Structure formats: C-alpha cells, structure tokens
Amino acid sequence: MMQHQKGVGLVEVLVALFILAIGVLGFSALQLRALQATTEATDRTMAMTVARDLTDRMRINRLALASYTAAINDKATETDCVGSANSYKPACDRTKMANYDAKQILDKAESLGQTVIMRQCDGSARTCVYIAWGKTSITKDKVSDCMSAGVYKAGAQCLVMEAF
C-alpha cells in the first residue's frame, strides 16, 4: 500500500519564507531610495527658494549688482538697514542695502546647510548665483565641484541661477 503525504513539508515552508524575504528586502530598498529622492528634492527646492529670494532682492536694488556679488562672496555683516516700524523705506543706501540683503540670505542658507556664491557664469558675461549643499563644495574662486565648462557634474548637489 502507498502512503500519501498530507500537509506542507518543511522545505516548502523554507522556500516560501526565502522568497518572501527577498520581496521584503526589495521593498525596503525601494523605500530607502524614495526617502533619498525626497530629501534631494527638498534640498533643491530650498536652494531654489534662496536663489530666487536673492535675485528678487537684486532686481529691486538693480544698481547694486557689484555690491551684491561682493557682499555674498565676502560674507557681509550689515544688520541695521530697516527703517522705523511705521515706514517701509530702508534706512540706508543701495550698497548697505545689498550688504543687509546678503547677510539675510547667507544666514538662511547657512541654516539650511548651503553655501552661496556669486560669480560670472561659465561661458557668459552674466552673473550667476551658485548654491551648493551636502558633499559639493564651492568657493568664490572654485565652482568646479558643481559644474565645469557650463555643464553640471554628475552627482553634484548644487544649483545655478542667472542673476541678470
């Protein structure tokens, strides 16, 4: 007489658990990548906000472009440029206003872990705002970690925006 096996064998259970574990690991890796992409998108959005804030301030104070470049690159420290509480007029000239704006922008960027630099755009006579964060390092003399010959470097964590 022949006996028939009833129920599930231990080997089948182990194979099913192994397949399930591979699926869960794949899902975990996908979640990790999604979290990294979300963080990168947030960093880019914050850098774009800082750059737009700076360029908008520069548009308002158009005659002080050189002052903004110097103030950003030399880390301006002007803190007293706002008029009285009943007045919307600044209590300073355009150069001091550029220094005041630069101080506010630099403080905001620092709180976000970003570096802000202004210099001539690669391949153009225009001025660009460079913002870097994370592992990307820039200075007023060197933006090659961000871009080279007008092309972004692969893996760079930076943003470039034309100012004028």
C-alpha atoms as a PDB file:
ATOM      1  CA  MET A   1       0.000   0.000   0.000  1.00  0.00           C
ATOM      2  CA  MET A   2       1.125   3.535  -0.841  1.00  0.00           C
ATOM      3  CA  GLN A   3       1.125   6.345   1.687  1.00  0.00           C
ATOM      4  CA  HIS A   4       0.285   9.874   0.644  1.00  0.00           C
ATOM      5  CA  GLN A   5       1.897  12.860   2.326  1.00  0.00           C
ATOM      6  CA  LYS A   6      -0.514  15.244   3.929  1.00  0.00           C
ATOM      7  CA  GLY A   7       0.185  18.911   4.724  1.00  0.00           C
ATOM      8  CA  VAL A   8       3.153  21.062   3.790  1.00  0.00           C
ATOM      9  CA  GLY A   9       6.725  19.938   4.156  1.00  0.00           C
ATOM     10  CA  LEU A  10       9.413  21.922   5.935  1.00  0.00           C
ATOM     11  CA  VAL A  11      11.346  22.517   2.702  1.00  0.00           C
ATOM     12  CA  GLU A  12       8.352  24.147   1.018  1.00  0.00           C
ATOM     13  CA  VAL A  13       7.852  26.451   4.005  1.00  0.00           C
ATOM     14  CA  LEU A  14      11.532  27.472   3.961  1.00  0.00           C
ATOM     15  CA  VAL A  15      11.444  28.203   0.216  1.00  0.00           C
ATOM     16  CA  ALA A  16       8.294  30.319   0.634  1.00  0.00           C
ATOM     17  CA  LEU A  17       9.887  32.275   3.503  1.00  0.00           C
ATOM     18  CA  PHE A  18      13.051  32.848   1.449  1.00  0.00           C
ATOM     19  CA  ILE A  19      11.040  34.228  -1.472  1.00  0.00           C
ATOM     20  CA  LEU A  20       9.062  36.436   0.894  1.00  0.00           C
ATOM     21  CA  ALA A  21      12.292  37.740   2.489  1.00  0.00           C
ATOM     22  CA  ILE A  22      13.687  38.698  -0.941  1.00  0.00           C
ATOM     23  CA  GLY A  23      10.480  40.598  -1.689  1.00  0.00           C
ATOM     24  CA  VAL A  24      10.602  42.448   1.630  1.00  0.00           C
ATOM     25  CA  LEU A  25      14.271  43.380   1.076  1.00  0.00           C
ATOM     26  CA  GLY A  26      13.410  44.716  -2.379  1.00  0.00           C
ATOM     27  CA  PHE A  27      10.585  46.785  -0.949  1.00  0.00           C
ATOM     28  CA  SER A  28      12.878  48.119   1.797  1.00  0.00           C
ATOM     29  CA  ALA A  29      15.480  49.175  -0.787  1.00  0.00           C
ATOM     30  CA  LEU A  30      12.758  50.905  -2.790  1.00  0.00           C
ATOM     31  CA  GLN A  31      11.572  52.794   0.308  1.00  0.00           C
ATOM     32  CA  LEU A  32      15.146  53.869   1.105  1.00  0.00           C
ATOM     33  CA  ARG A  33      15.627  55.196  -2.437  1.00  0.00           C
ATOM     34  CA  ALA A  34      12.300  57.057  -2.246  1.00  0.00           C
ATOM     35  CA  LEU A  35      13.399  58.679   1.014  1.00  0.00           C
ATOM     36  CA  GLN A  36      16.703  59.762  -0.561  1.00  0.00           C
ATOM     37  CA  ALA A  37      14.864  61.234  -3.566  1.00  0.00           C
ATOM     38  CA  THR A  38      12.519  63.141  -1.271  1.00  0.00           C
ATOM     39  CA  THR A  39      15.450  64.594   0.673  1.00  0.00           C
ATOM     40  CA  GLU A  40      17.192  65.620  -2.555  1.00  0.00           C
ATOM     41  CA  ALA A  41      14.000  67.264  -3.846  1.00  0.00           C
ATOM     42  CA  THR A  42      13.628  69.177  -0.578  1.00  0.00           C
ATOM     43  CA  ASP A  43      17.249  70.370  -0.746  1.00  0.00           C
ATOM     44  CA  ARG A  44      16.779  71.536  -4.347  1.00  0.00           C
ATOM     45  CA  THR A  45      13.543  73.313  -3.512  1.00  0.00           C
ATOM     46  CA  MET A  46      15.138  75.139  -0.589  1.00  0.00           C
ATOM     47  CA  ALA A  47      18.153  76.114  -2.747  1.00  0.00           C
ATOM     48  CA  MET A  48      15.793  77.405  -5.447  1.00  0.00           C
ATOM     49  CA  THR A  49      13.900  79.442  -2.841  1.00  0.00           C
ATOM     50  CA  VAL A  50      17.117  81.012  -1.516  1.00  0.00           C
ATOM     51  CA  ALA A  51      18.360  81.792  -5.047  1.00  0.00           C
ATOM     52  CA  ARG A  52      15.026  83.333  -6.082  1.00  0.00           C
ATOM     53  CA  ASP A  53      14.926  85.404  -2.896  1.00  0.00           C
ATOM     54  CA  LEU A  54      18.400  86.759  -3.638  1.00  0.00           C
ATOM     55  CA  THR A  55      17.684  87.516  -7.303  1.00  0.00           C
ATOM     56  CA  ASP A  56      14.390  89.226  -6.422  1.00  0.00           C
ATOM     57  CA  ARG A  57      16.190  91.434  -3.913  1.00  0.00           C
ATOM     58  CA  MET A  58      18.772  92.237  -6.580  1.00  0.00           C
ATOM     59  CA  ARG A  59      16.036  93.191  -9.049  1.00  0.00           C
ATOM     60  CA  ILE A  60      14.625  95.662  -6.534  1.00  0.00           C
ATOM     61  CA  ASN A  61      18.081  97.187  -5.920  1.00  0.00           C
ATOM     62  CA  ARG A  62      19.253  96.998  -9.567  1.00  0.00           C
ATOM     63  CA  LEU A  63      22.095  99.487  -9.357  1.00  0.00           C
ATOM     64  CA  ALA A  64      23.962  97.478  -6.724  1.00  0.00           C
ATOM     65  CA  LEU A  65      24.770  94.246  -8.607  1.00  0.00           C
ATOM     66  CA  ALA A  66      28.500  94.541  -7.914  1.00  0.00           C
ATOM     67  CA  SER A  67      27.709  95.242  -4.265  1.00  0.00           C
ATOM     68  CA  TYR A  68      25.632  92.060  -4.020  1.00  0.00           C
ATOM     69  CA  THR A  69      28.417  89.985  -5.557  1.00  0.00           C
ATOM     70  CA  ALA A  70      30.976  91.392  -3.109  1.00  0.00           C
ATOM     71  CA  ALA A  71      28.602  91.102  -0.135  1.00  0.00           C
ATOM     72  CA  ILE A  72      27.730  87.449  -0.845  1.00  0.00           C
ATOM     73  CA  ASN A  73      31.301  86.365  -1.573  1.00  0.00           C
ATOM     74  CA  ASP A  74      32.847  88.277   1.331  1.00  0.00           C
ATOM     75  CA  LYS A  75      30.118  87.261   3.835  1.00  0.00           C
ATOM     76  CA  ALA A  76      28.610  90.686   4.580  1.00  0.00           C
ATOM     77  CA  THR A  77      27.642  91.512   8.137  1.00  0.00           C
ATOM     78  CA  GLU A  78      25.276  94.518   7.761  1.00  0.00           C
ATOM     79  CA  THR A  79      22.403  94.105  10.212  1.00  0.00           C
ATOM     80  CA  ASP A  80      20.882  97.579  10.552  1.00  0.00           C
ATOM     81  CA  CYS A  81      19.165  98.790   7.424  1.00  0.00           C
ATOM     82  CA  VAL A  82      15.456  98.647   8.156  1.00  0.00           C
ATOM     83  CA  GLY A  83      13.590 101.881   8.803  1.00  0.00           C
ATOM     84  CA  SER A  84      11.205 102.559  11.644  1.00  0.00           C
ATOM     85  CA  ALA A  85       8.216 100.332  12.354  1.00  0.00           C
ATOM     86  CA  ASN A  86       5.889 102.830  10.641  1.00  0.00           C
ATOM     87  CA  SER A  87       7.984 103.151   7.483  1.00  0.00           C
ATOM     88  CA  TYR A  88       8.720 100.714   4.697  1.00  0.00           C
ATOM     89  CA  LYS A  89      11.691 102.725   3.468  1.00  0.00           C
ATOM     90  CA  PRO A  90      15.151 101.341   4.128  1.00  0.00           C
ATOM     91  CA  ALA A  91      17.350 103.482   6.351  1.00  0.00           C
ATOM     92  CA  CYS A  92      20.482 103.056   4.219  1.00  0.00           C
ATOM     93  CA  ASP A  93      21.965 103.490   0.740  1.00  0.00           C
ATOM     94  CA  ARG A  94      21.956 100.828  -2.010  1.00  0.00           C
ATOM     95  CA  THR A  95      25.339  99.367  -1.021  1.00  0.00           C
ATOM     96  CA  LYS A  96      24.331  98.927   2.613  1.00  0.00           C
ATOM     97  CA  MET A  97      21.011  97.501   1.433  1.00  0.00           C
ATOM     98  CA  ALA A  98      22.914  94.940  -0.663  1.00  0.00           C
ATOM     99  CA  ASN A  99      25.006  94.050   2.388  1.00  0.00           C
ATOM    100  CA  TYR A 100      21.869  93.745   4.536  1.00  0.00           C
ATOM    101  CA  ASP A 101      20.143  91.518   1.952  1.00  0.00           C
ATOM    102  CA  ALA A 102      23.275  89.403   1.582  1.00  0.00           C
ATOM    103  CA  LYS A 103      23.501  88.906   5.355  1.00  0.00           C
ATOM    104  CA  GLN A 104      19.900  87.676   5.483  1.00  0.00           C
ATOM    105  CA  ILE A 105      20.430  85.333   2.515  1.00  0.00           C
ATOM    106  CA  LEU A 106      23.689  83.959   3.926  1.00  0.00           C
ATOM    107  CA  ASP A 107      22.080  83.334   7.325  1.00  0.00           C
ATOM    108  CA  LYS A 108      19.168  81.491   5.696  1.00  0.00           C
ATOM    109  CA  ALA A 109      21.489  79.413   3.506  1.00  0.00           C
ATOM    110  CA  GLU A 110      23.714  78.540   6.473  1.00  0.00           C
ATOM    111  CA  SER A 111      20.700  77.381   8.488  1.00  0.00           C
ATOM    112  CA  LEU A 112      19.886  75.015   5.594  1.00  0.00           C
ATOM    113  CA  GLY A 113      23.471  73.742   5.294  1.00  0.00           C
ATOM    114  CA  GLN A 114      24.039  75.529   1.983  1.00  0.00           C
ATOM    115  CA  THR A 115      26.853  77.646   0.551  1.00  0.00           C
ATOM    116  CA  VAL A 116      26.021  80.648  -1.667  1.00  0.00           C
ATOM    117  CA  ILE A 117      28.480  82.174  -4.140  1.00  0.00           C
ATOM    118  CA  MET A 118      28.064  84.763  -6.905  1.00  0.00           C
ATOM    119  CA  ARG A 119      30.363  84.977  -9.895  1.00  0.00           C
ATOM    120  CA  GLN A 120      30.404  85.239 -13.655  1.00  0.00           C
ATOM    121  CA  CYS A 121      28.576  82.363 -15.335  1.00  0.00           C
ATOM    122  CA  ASP A 122      30.664  79.851 -17.283  1.00  0.00           C
ATOM    123  CA  GLY A 123      30.708  80.878 -20.944  1.00  0.00           C
ATOM    124  CA  SER A 124      28.703  84.064 -20.367  1.00  0.00           C
ATOM    125  CA  ALA A 125      29.191  87.659 -19.268  1.00  0.00           C
ATOM    126  CA  ARG A 126      26.210  87.386 -16.905  1.00  0.00           C
ATOM    127  CA  THR A 127      26.377  86.917 -13.159  1.00  0.00           C
ATOM    128  CA  CYS A 128      25.213  83.608 -11.676  1.00  0.00           C
ATOM    129  CA  VAL A 129      24.159  82.573  -8.192  1.00  0.00           C
ATOM    130  CA  TYR A 130      25.675  79.215  -7.194  1.00  0.00           C
ATOM    131  CA  ILE A 131      24.224  77.296  -4.261  1.00  0.00           C
ATOM    132  CA  ALA A 132      25.761  74.027  -3.049  1.00  0.00           C
ATOM    133  CA  TRP A 133      24.889  71.644  -0.227  1.00  0.00           C
ATOM    134  CA  GLY A 134      25.810  68.196   1.018  1.00  0.00           C
ATOM    135  CA  LYS A 135      29.091  66.859  -0.324  1.00  0.00           C
ATOM    136  CA  THR A 136      29.503  69.557  -3.003  1.00  0.00           C
ATOM    137  CA  SER A 137      31.963  72.303  -2.066  1.00  0.00           C
ATOM    138  CA  ILE A 138      32.198  75.701  -3.792  1.00  0.00           C
ATOM    139  CA  THR A 139      34.119  78.913  -3.153  1.00  0.00           C
ATOM    140  CA  LYS A 140      34.142  82.291  -4.903  1.00  0.00           C
ATOM    141  CA  ASP A 141      37.208  81.108  -6.830  1.00  0.00           C
ATOM    142  CA  LYS A 142      36.195  77.488  -7.498  1.00  0.00           C
ATOM    143  CA  VAL A 143      32.865  76.007  -8.556  1.00  0.00           C
ATOM    144  CA  SER A 144      34.352  73.017 -10.376  1.00  0.00           C
ATOM    145  CA  ASP A 145      32.751  70.548  -7.913  1.00  0.00           C
ATOM    146  CA  CYS A 146      29.393  71.874  -9.124  1.00  0.00           C
ATOM    147  CA  MET A 147      29.969  72.411 -12.820  1.00  0.00           C
ATOM    148  CA  SER A 148      32.695  72.691 -15.401  1.00  0.00           C
ATOM    149  CA  ALA A 149      32.572  74.410 -18.793  1.00  0.00           C
ATOM    150  CA  GLY A 150      28.885  75.172 -18.292  1.00  0.00           C
ATOM    151  CA  VAL A 151      27.897  71.559 -17.589  1.00  0.00           C
ATOM    152  CA  TYR A 152      26.743  70.148 -14.254  1.00  0.00           C
ATOM    153  CA  LYS A 153      28.992  67.486 -12.764  1.00  0.00           C
ATOM    154  CA  ALA A 154      27.375  64.101 -12.256  1.00  0.00           C
ATOM    155  CA  GLY A 155      26.295  63.645  -8.645  1.00  0.00           C
ATOM    156  CA  ALA A 156      26.847  67.304  -7.723  1.00  0.00           C
ATOM    157  CA  GLN A 157      24.464  68.745  -5.178  1.00  0.00           C
ATOM    158  CA  CYS A 158      24.175  72.301  -6.418  1.00  0.00           C
ATOM    159  CA  LEU A 159      22.015  74.793  -8.248  1.00  0.00           C
ATOM    160  CA  VAL A 160      22.984  77.585 -10.647  1.00  0.00           C
ATOM    161  CA  MET A 161      20.723  80.527 -11.454  1.00  0.00           C
ATOM    162  CA  GLU A 162      21.442  83.521 -13.672  1.00  0.00           C
ATOM    163  CA  ALA A 163      21.056  86.746 -11.742  1.00  0.00           C
ATOM    164  CA  PHE A 164      20.859  89.162 -14.691  1.00  0.00           C
END
